[in-house]
Protein backbone atom coordinates (compact mmCIF):
# COMPACT_ATOMS: atom_id res chain seq x y z
CA MET A 1 0.02 0.17 0.17
CA ALA A 2 1.34 3.61 -0.92
CA ASN A 3 0.19 7.08 0.04
CA PHE A 4 -1.71 9.45 -2.67
CA GLN A 5 -1.71 12.93 -2.59
CA TYR A 6 -4.96 14.57 -4.31
CA ILE A 7 -6.71 16.96 -5.10
CA ALA A 8 -9.94 16.80 -5.85
CA LEU A 9 -13.80 18.43 -5.87
CA ASP A 10 -16.84 18.02 -3.58
CA ALA A 11 -20.53 18.11 -4.79
CA LYS A 12 -20.73 21.78 -4.40
CA GLY A 13 -17.77 22.57 -6.68
CA GLU A 14 -15.24 23.15 -3.78
CA GLN A 15 -11.85 22.32 -3.85
CA THR A 16 -10.49 19.85 -0.88
CA THR A 17 -6.86 18.25 -0.52
CA GLY A 18 -5.17 15.00 1.42
CA SER A 19 -4.32 11.81 0.93
CA VAL A 20 -5.53 7.59 1.09
CA SER A 21 -3.90 5.02 1.27
CA ALA A 22 -3.94 2.53 -2.09
CA GLY A 23 -2.69 -0.32 -3.72
CA SER A 24 -2.49 1.52 -7.32
CA GLU A 25 -3.34 5.26 -8.47
CA ALA A 26 -6.75 3.72 -9.96
CA ASP A 27 -7.25 2.17 -6.30
CA ALA A 28 -6.75 5.73 -4.86
CA ILE A 29 -9.06 7.00 -7.55
CA GLN A 30 -12.14 4.89 -7.09
CA GLN A 31 -11.93 5.41 -3.06
CA LEU A 32 -12.37 9.36 -3.83
CA ARG A 33 -15.14 8.57 -6.13
CA SER A 34 -16.87 6.61 -3.95
CA GLN A 35 -16.58 9.33 -0.83
CA GLY A 36 -18.60 11.84 -3.73
CA LEU A 37 -15.36 13.12 -4.72
CA TYR A 38 -14.12 14.04 -8.42
CA PRO A 39 -9.98 13.59 -8.07
CA THR A 40 -8.59 16.25 -10.39
CA GLN A 41 -4.98 14.94 -9.54
CA VAL A 42 -3.89 12.01 -7.66
CA VAL A 43 -0.20 11.42 -6.96
CA GLU A 44 1.97 9.38 -5.33
CA GLU A 45 4.31 10.44 -2.65
CA GLY A 46 7.55 10.33 -3.16
CA LYS A 47 6.57 10.46 -7.42
CA GLY A 48 5.44 13.94 -7.66
CA SER A 49 4.06 16.96 -6.54
CA LEU A 50 0.27 18.63 -6.80
CA THR A 51 -0.31 21.65 -8.77
CA THR A 52 -2.83 23.48 -7.76
CA GLY A 53 -4.75 25.89 -10.38
CA LYS A 54 -6.76 27.59 -7.62
CA ALA A 55 -6.60 31.71 -7.32
CA LYS A 56 -4.35 33.01 -4.60
CA SER A 57 -7.24 35.91 -3.57
CA LYS A 58 -10.74 34.96 -4.20
CA THR A 59 -12.81 38.40 -5.64
CA ARG A 60 -14.53 40.60 -3.25
CA GLY A 61 -18.23 41.04 -3.38
CA LYS A 62 -19.54 40.85 -6.38
CA LYS A 63 -16.88 43.01 -8.70
CA ARG A 64 -15.40 41.67 -11.79
CA VAL A 65 -12.62 42.24 -13.38
CA LYS A 66 -13.30 44.07 -16.85
CA SER A 67 -10.29 43.26 -18.21
CA ALA A 68 -10.81 40.25 -18.21
CA LYS A 69 -12.37 39.73 -21.69
CA SER A 70 -12.31 36.34 -23.26
CA GLY A 71 -10.66 36.32 -26.90
CA GLY A 72 -7.35 37.07 -25.82
CA LYS A 73 -4.09 34.60 -26.07
CA ILE A 74 -2.87 32.68 -23.26
CA LYS A 75 -0.03 30.75 -22.60
CA PRO A 76 0.11 26.87 -23.76
CA LYS A 77 1.01 25.76 -20.30
CA ALA A 78 -2.34 27.22 -19.08
CA LEU A 79 -3.91 25.97 -21.66
CA MET A 80 -2.81 22.25 -21.14
CA ILE A 81 -3.57 22.17 -17.33
CA PHE A 82 -6.89 23.50 -18.27
CA THR A 83 -7.36 21.02 -20.71
CA ARG A 84 -6.02 17.60 -18.54
CA GLN A 85 -8.45 18.73 -15.38
CA LEU A 86 -11.10 19.14 -17.43
CA ALA A 87 -10.14 15.60 -18.92
CA THR A 88 -10.19 13.77 -15.50
CA LEU A 89 -13.38 15.87 -14.43
CA ILE A 90 -15.14 14.31 -17.17
CA ASP A 91 -13.66 10.91 -16.76
CA SER A 92 -14.76 11.06 -13.07
CA GLY A 93 -18.40 11.25 -14.11
CA LEU A 94 -18.84 15.27 -13.49
CA PRO A 95 -21.16 16.63 -16.46
CA LEU A 96 -19.33 19.01 -19.15
CA LEU A 97 -21.11 22.07 -17.93
CA ARG A 98 -20.26 20.99 -14.13
CA GLY A 99 -16.91 20.71 -15.08
CA LEU A 100 -16.36 24.08 -16.71
CA THR A 101 -18.27 25.62 -14.58
CA VAL A 102 -15.89 24.47 -11.73
CA LEU A 103 -12.84 25.02 -13.90
CA GLY A 104 -14.21 29.06 -14.14
CA LYS A 105 -14.02 29.67 -10.49
CA GLN A 106 -11.07 28.51 -9.69
CA GLU A 107 -9.03 29.24 -12.67
CA PRO A 108 -6.33 32.11 -11.55
CA ASN A 109 -5.65 33.53 -15.39
CA PRO A 110 -8.21 36.56 -15.81
CA VAL A 111 -8.32 35.64 -19.67
CA LEU A 112 -8.90 31.56 -19.67
CA ARG A 113 -11.39 32.35 -16.20
CA SER A 114 -13.41 34.67 -18.62
CA THR A 115 -13.39 32.33 -21.55
CA VAL A 116 -14.16 28.98 -19.44
CA ASN A 117 -17.06 30.70 -18.08
CA SER A 118 -18.01 31.74 -21.96
CA LEU A 119 -17.95 28.44 -22.71
CA ALA A 120 -20.28 27.32 -19.95
CA ASP A 121 -22.43 29.72 -20.69
CA SER A 122 -22.42 28.66 -24.33
CA VAL A 123 -23.24 25.06 -23.63
CA GLN A 124 -25.46 25.83 -20.93
CA THR A 125 -27.66 27.68 -23.72
CA GLY A 126 -27.36 24.28 -26.00
CA ALA A 127 -24.58 24.65 -28.67
CA THR A 128 -21.94 21.53 -28.51
CA PHE A 129 -18.67 21.76 -26.48
CA SER A 130 -17.25 22.30 -30.18
CA GLU A 131 -19.24 25.15 -31.24
CA SER A 132 -18.67 26.80 -28.32
CA LEU A 133 -14.87 26.52 -28.56
CA ALA A 134 -14.84 27.47 -32.13
CA GLN A 135 -15.90 30.72 -30.92
CA HIS A 136 -12.68 32.00 -29.66
CA PRO A 137 -10.40 30.81 -32.12
CA ARG A 138 -7.32 33.24 -30.86
CA ILE A 139 -7.14 30.50 -27.99
CA PHE A 140 -8.82 26.89 -29.43
CA ASN A 141 -7.07 26.55 -32.77
CA LYS A 142 -8.50 23.98 -35.29
CA LEU A 143 -6.74 21.09 -34.12
CA PHE A 144 -8.23 21.96 -30.35
CA VAL A 145 -11.60 22.64 -31.97
CA ASN A 146 -11.99 19.33 -34.72
CA MET A 147 -10.74 16.78 -32.03
CA VAL A 148 -13.28 18.20 -29.37
CA LYS A 149 -15.94 17.50 -32.15
CA ALA A 150 -14.73 14.39 -33.31
CA GLY A 151 -14.34 13.25 -29.52
CA GLU A 152 -17.60 14.48 -29.07
CA LEU A 153 -19.32 12.16 -31.88
CA GLY A 154 -17.79 9.44 -30.61
CA GLY A 155 -18.67 9.77 -26.96
CA VAL A 156 -14.90 9.82 -25.90
CA LEU A 157 -14.69 13.19 -25.06
CA GLU A 158 -12.91 12.74 -21.53
CA VAL A 159 -10.44 10.77 -23.78
CA VAL A 160 -9.85 13.16 -26.13
CA LEU A 161 -9.15 15.66 -23.99
CA THR A 162 -6.51 13.57 -22.21
CA ARG A 163 -4.56 13.26 -25.95
CA LEU A 164 -4.45 17.22 -26.73
CA ALA A 165 -3.43 17.95 -23.08
CA GLU A 166 -0.32 15.35 -23.85
CA TYR A 167 -0.34 16.42 -27.56
CA MET A 168 0.59 20.32 -26.42
CA GLU A 169 2.85 19.32 -23.56
CA LYS A 170 5.08 17.45 -25.36
CA ALA A 171 4.54 20.29 -28.34
CA ASP A 172 5.66 22.76 -26.16
CA LYS A 173 8.49 20.73 -24.19
CA LEU A 174 9.81 20.34 -28.32
CA LYS A 175 9.65 24.31 -28.76
CA ASN A 176 11.24 24.74 -25.27
CA LYS A 177 13.97 22.52 -26.06
CA ILE A 178 14.94 24.66 -29.58
CA VAL A 179 14.45 27.95 -28.16
CA SER A 180 16.57 26.93 -24.93
CA ALA A 181 19.28 26.35 -28.29
CA MET A 182 19.04 30.02 -29.40
CA VAL A 183 19.25 31.61 -26.19
CA TYR A 184 23.24 30.72 -25.46
CA PRO A 185 24.04 31.96 -28.77
CA VAL A 186 21.99 35.29 -28.56
CA ILE A 187 23.08 36.53 -25.04
CA VAL A 188 27.01 36.33 -25.91
CA LEU A 189 26.08 38.07 -29.36
CA PHE A 190 24.57 40.94 -27.08
CA ILE A 191 27.60 40.44 -24.62
CA ALA A 192 30.41 40.78 -27.57
CA VAL A 193 28.45 44.41 -29.29
CA ALA A 194 27.56 45.88 -26.09
CA ILE A 195 31.77 45.10 -25.04
CA LEU A 196 32.32 46.49 -28.66
CA ILE A 197 30.97 49.74 -28.06
CA PHE A 198 31.60 50.51 -24.99
CA LEU A 199 35.48 50.17 -26.00
CA MET A 200 34.97 51.87 -29.19
CA LEU A 201 33.18 55.08 -27.40
CA PHE A 202 34.83 55.22 -24.28
CA ILE A 203 38.33 53.69 -24.10
CA VAL A 204 39.96 53.62 -27.61
CA PRO A 205 39.25 57.67 -27.87
CA LYS A 206 42.00 57.75 -24.74
CA PHE A 207 44.42 55.51 -26.28
CA LYS A 208 43.94 57.62 -29.39
CA GLU A 209 44.97 60.84 -27.51
CA MET A 210 47.39 59.78 -25.96
CA PHE A 211 49.60 58.32 -29.32
CA ALA A 212 48.41 61.45 -30.73
CA ASP A 213 50.79 63.14 -28.24
CA GLN A 214 53.48 61.34 -29.20
CA GLY A 215 53.87 61.63 -32.82
CA GLY A 216 55.01 58.66 -35.19
CA GLU A 217 53.03 57.03 -37.61
CA LEU A 218 50.73 54.22 -36.18
CA PRO A 219 50.22 50.75 -37.09
CA THR A 220 47.52 49.49 -40.03
CA LEU A 221 45.40 48.00 -37.29
CA SER A 222 45.49 51.02 -34.69
CA ARG A 223 44.30 53.50 -37.26
CA VAL A 224 41.73 51.32 -38.68
CA VAL A 225 40.51 51.25 -34.76
CA PHE A 226 40.86 54.49 -34.52
CA ASN A 227 39.23 55.71 -37.26
CA SER A 228 36.22 53.84 -36.70
CA SER A 229 36.35 54.70 -32.96
CA GLU A 230 35.75 58.68 -34.26
CA LYS A 231 33.19 57.92 -36.93
CA MET A 232 30.97 56.00 -34.48
CA MET A 233 31.44 59.09 -32.04
CA SER A 234 30.78 61.95 -34.92
CA SER A 235 26.94 63.07 -35.97
CA THR A 236 25.36 63.26 -38.88
CA ALA A 237 22.07 65.07 -38.96
CA GLY A 238 22.67 65.98 -35.10
CA LEU A 239 22.68 62.58 -34.04
CA PRO A 240 25.58 59.91 -33.08
CA ASN A 241 26.86 57.87 -36.20
CA VAL A 242 26.42 54.84 -33.92
CA VAL A 243 22.70 55.73 -33.21
CA TRP A 244 22.37 55.84 -36.63
CA ILE A 245 23.95 52.39 -37.21
CA PHE A 246 21.20 50.89 -35.09
CA LEU A 247 18.42 52.78 -37.07
CA VAL A 248 19.73 51.54 -39.94
CA LEU A 249 20.21 47.98 -38.62
CA ALA A 250 16.17 47.93 -37.11
CA GLY A 251 14.92 49.23 -40.72
CA LEU A 252 16.44 46.67 -42.04
CA TRP A 253 14.98 44.16 -40.03
CA VAL A 254 11.56 45.72 -40.53
CA MET A 255 12.14 45.50 -44.03
CA PHE A 256 12.82 41.82 -43.48
CA LYS A 257 9.81 41.01 -41.76
CA ALA A 258 7.75 42.66 -44.20
CA TRP A 259 8.94 41.24 -46.96
CA SER A 260 9.07 37.43 -44.97
CA ASN A 261 5.18 38.10 -44.50
CA THR A 262 4.42 37.98 -48.27
CA LYS A 263 3.42 34.45 -49.37
CA GLY A 264 6.70 34.47 -51.79
CA GLY A 265 9.42 36.24 -49.03
CA ARG A 266 7.89 33.12 -46.57
CA ALA A 267 8.54 30.57 -48.68
CA ALA A 268 12.24 31.73 -49.26
CA VAL A 269 12.73 32.11 -45.45
CA ASP A 270 11.21 28.43 -45.16
CA ALA A 271 13.28 26.94 -47.44
CA PHE A 272 16.19 29.15 -46.55
CA LYS A 273 15.55 27.33 -42.85
CA LEU A 274 15.84 23.84 -44.01
CA LYS A 275 19.09 24.11 -46.10
CA ILE A 276 21.28 26.39 -43.20
CA PRO A 277 23.90 24.05 -41.99
CA VAL A 278 23.29 22.38 -38.44
CA LEU A 279 20.07 24.97 -37.43
CA GLY A 280 18.31 22.93 -40.73
CA ASP A 281 18.78 19.89 -40.06
CA LEU A 282 17.19 20.72 -36.79
CA THR A 283 13.81 22.54 -38.23
CA ARG A 284 13.73 19.87 -40.40
CA LYS A 285 13.17 17.11 -37.41
CA SER A 286 11.27 19.16 -35.80
CA SER A 287 8.88 20.15 -38.43
CA ILE A 288 8.96 16.07 -39.26
CA SER A 289 7.72 15.51 -35.49
CA ARG A 290 5.19 18.14 -35.37
CA PHE A 291 3.60 17.23 -38.51
CA ALA A 292 3.60 13.21 -37.32
CA ARG A 293 2.58 13.96 -33.61
CA THR A 294 -0.48 16.41 -35.21
CA LEU A 295 -1.91 14.16 -37.63
CA GLY A 296 -1.04 10.86 -35.88
CA THR A 297 -3.14 12.58 -33.18
CA LEU A 298 -6.02 13.71 -35.28
CA VAL A 299 -6.39 10.25 -36.74
CA THR A 300 -6.30 8.61 -33.58
CA SER A 301 -8.81 10.85 -32.23
CA GLY A 302 -11.38 9.83 -34.92
CA VAL A 303 -11.20 13.03 -37.35
CA PRO A 304 -11.63 12.06 -40.77
CA ILE A 305 -8.28 11.99 -42.96
CA LEU A 306 -8.81 14.95 -45.26
CA GLN A 307 -9.71 16.98 -42.48
CA ALA A 308 -6.64 15.75 -40.50
CA LEU A 309 -4.41 16.90 -43.32
CA THR A 310 -5.75 20.11 -44.04
CA ILE A 311 -5.19 20.84 -40.22
CA THR A 312 -1.89 19.48 -40.21
CA ARG A 313 -1.24 21.62 -43.24
CA ASP A 314 -2.57 24.84 -41.44
CA THR A 315 -0.83 24.47 -38.14
CA ALA A 316 2.54 22.76 -40.09
CA GLY A 317 5.04 26.30 -39.20
CA ASN A 318 7.08 25.62 -42.76
CA VAL A 319 5.89 26.50 -46.09
CA MET A 320 7.65 23.91 -47.37
CA VAL A 321 6.75 21.26 -45.57
CA ALA A 322 2.99 22.37 -45.53
CA ASN A 323 3.09 22.35 -49.23
CA ALA A 324 4.64 18.43 -49.12
CA ILE A 325 1.65 17.78 -47.17
CA ASP A 326 -1.49 19.92 -49.65
CA LYS A 327 0.40 17.49 -52.02
CA VAL A 328 -0.29 14.07 -49.36
CA HIS A 329 -4.01 15.97 -49.15
CA GLU A 330 -4.37 15.80 -52.49
CA ALA A 331 -3.16 12.23 -53.44
CA VAL A 332 -5.15 10.87 -50.60
CA LYS A 333 -8.08 13.05 -51.76
CA GLU A 334 -7.71 10.85 -55.37
CA GLY A 335 -7.57 7.37 -53.09
CA GLU A 336 -3.56 7.05 -53.61
CA SER A 337 -1.33 6.43 -51.08
CA ILE A 338 0.49 9.02 -49.05
CA VAL A 339 3.68 7.30 -49.19
CA ALA A 340 4.67 9.01 -53.17
CA PRO A 341 4.21 12.46 -52.37
CA LEU A 342 6.19 12.48 -49.02
CA GLN A 343 8.73 10.42 -51.22
CA SER A 344 8.56 13.58 -53.67
CA SER A 345 9.07 16.08 -51.37
CA LYS A 346 12.48 15.37 -50.11
CA ILE A 347 11.93 16.70 -47.12
CA PHE A 348 11.32 13.67 -44.96
CA PRO A 349 13.85 10.85 -45.12
CA ALA A 350 13.85 7.30 -45.62
CA MET A 351 12.78 6.07 -42.91
CA VAL A 352 9.80 8.43 -42.55
CA ILE A 353 8.82 6.95 -45.36
CA SER A 354 9.39 3.40 -44.85
CA MET A 355 7.52 3.83 -41.50
CA VAL A 356 4.35 4.90 -43.15
CA ASP A 357 4.44 2.92 -46.03
CA VAL A 358 4.43 0.05 -43.42
CA GLY A 359 1.75 1.71 -41.07
CA GLU A 360 -0.65 1.85 -44.33
CA GLU A 361 -0.39 -1.47 -45.52
CA THR A 362 -0.57 -2.64 -41.57
CA GLY A 363 -3.80 -0.10 -41.06
CA GLN A 364 -1.94 0.99 -38.14
CA LEU A 365 -1.08 4.20 -39.14
CA PRO A 366 -1.81 6.54 -36.86
CA GLU A 367 0.33 4.45 -34.05
CA MET A 368 2.95 4.68 -36.86
CA LEU A 369 2.81 8.41 -36.96
CA LEU A 370 2.91 8.80 -33.24
CA LYS A 371 6.17 6.19 -32.85
CA ILE A 372 7.95 8.71 -35.68
CA ALA A 373 6.83 11.64 -33.66
CA ASP A 374 8.72 9.76 -30.89
CA VAL A 375 11.31 9.21 -32.43
CA TYR A 376 12.36 12.66 -33.58
CA ASP A 377 11.79 14.06 -30.68
CA ASP A 378 14.50 12.73 -29.24
CA GLU A 379 16.25 13.19 -32.52
CA VAL A 380 15.36 16.77 -31.78
CA ASP A 381 17.05 16.36 -28.19
CA THR A 382 20.13 14.98 -29.36
CA ALA A 383 20.57 17.82 -32.20
CA VAL A 384 20.08 20.29 -29.80
CA THR A 385 22.71 18.96 -27.31
CA ALA A 386 24.87 18.72 -30.22
CA PHE A 387 24.52 22.08 -31.19
CA THR A 388 24.89 23.62 -28.09
CA SER A 389 28.55 21.97 -27.47
CA VAL A 390 29.72 22.77 -31.06
CA LEU A 391 28.11 26.56 -30.56
CA GLU A 392 29.50 27.40 -27.33
CA PRO A 393 33.46 27.19 -27.92
CA ILE A 394 32.57 28.59 -31.13
CA MET A 395 31.05 31.89 -29.51
CA ILE A 396 33.93 32.04 -26.86
CA VAL A 397 36.05 32.30 -29.67
CA PHE A 398 34.55 34.55 -31.41
CA LEU A 399 34.07 36.90 -28.28
CA ALA A 400 37.71 36.40 -27.65
CA LEU A 401 38.59 37.42 -31.23
CA VAL A 402 36.10 40.93 -30.85
CA VAL A 403 37.62 41.85 -27.87
CA GLY A 404 41.38 40.70 -28.10
CA THR A 405 41.66 42.49 -32.07
CA ILE A 406 40.90 45.77 -30.62
CA VAL A 407 42.59 45.24 -27.34
CA PHE A 408 46.04 44.27 -29.62
CA ALA A 409 45.18 47.09 -31.97
CA LEU A 410 45.14 49.30 -28.88
CA PHE A 411 48.60 48.28 -27.46
CA LEU A 412 50.29 47.61 -30.80
CA PRO A 413 51.79 51.32 -30.74
CA LEU A 414 52.89 51.46 -27.13
CA ILE A 415 54.73 47.93 -28.45
CA LYS A 416 55.95 49.18 -31.74
CA MET A 417 57.27 52.08 -29.32
CA ILE A 418 59.14 50.14 -27.06
CA GLN A 419 60.58 48.08 -29.57
CA GLY A 420 61.93 51.91 -30.79
CA VAL A 421 63.56 52.65 -27.09
CA ASP A 422 64.87 49.42 -27.31
CA SER A 423 66.98 49.67 -30.47
CA GLN A 424 68.32 53.01 -29.89
CA ALA A 425 69.28 51.96 -26.33
CA GLY A 426 71.31 49.12 -28.50
């Protein structure tokens, strides 16, 4: 027997916590249900901790926060927790409307709380849950809405919601891995630029004045550094040139973003992302993982294959991958296999195509797609580790070269003067 900590709701919707002794998690849940409680979280002691979703402070009186409007954006983690809690409540036997009402009361996020209350009102007036979700497209995307719709039609809403929560959890974890790989180089680059500006604006001018008083010809590297510092400090149209440099860079960035938002620009950028050394491989693997997990989750949940392919295309995140999925959609529409268009796209490696082919032949395509997603999640993790291990020494060398070059240029005239004195003394 083990002790299990729990968070549960009573018949009035009030949250309660405690612990029970049971042989397994399923036995603990059964005990709580027999006591008239609806468990939202059950964790074995020593193997995890409970995450309460209850707000830290209660609303006083009948006041409502006016700024808490539905339709805003919320963090994926908050949506994932809400989805998992709703699945647990429905699986525990609580009606959908009651589950939404309970979660709306205890939700700390004002935007999500307002949205959940709006969903409850919509369901109460007779709308289906999927129809209610479709009224909030900024929070619940097509994937979410269509999976819920399939769950409603199949009578397995709690199963679909659990799959959705798992999908969002794994997708968020994959995204965090890629973002974490980019944090280090960005920080090092920022430090390098900050040090470069500090040296050029405050240190180099002092050395220039000192060597100007000494007279004599300066080494070429020193002249280049001193002239660059002088140009950065000088003004044009009332603004220092260093400010103009940042303004020009900002303008170029804005122009690039505007161009990349066009159809042709987006296609060119996404194609380039797949061809960048090291990063291109990482982008490809993450795109394949997203494609396989999205399509596999949708089809497993009962969404028709053509509709699932459309949703997967819209959430691909890369135009080149989306175009490949579009060709798959056309092939399936004509009654053909999905293997040929995947192969012709030259985006998906042979292993993926082979596994999809086997899945089609055995009638286990959704399961095979989810296995592909798991494999490529591990591939992304390995690629990120390898990328950071290679990038760290490269960025350190880059930072040392930037600072070292300027410092060497500052002391080069001094070294030349010392050598001149030694030669005269000799």
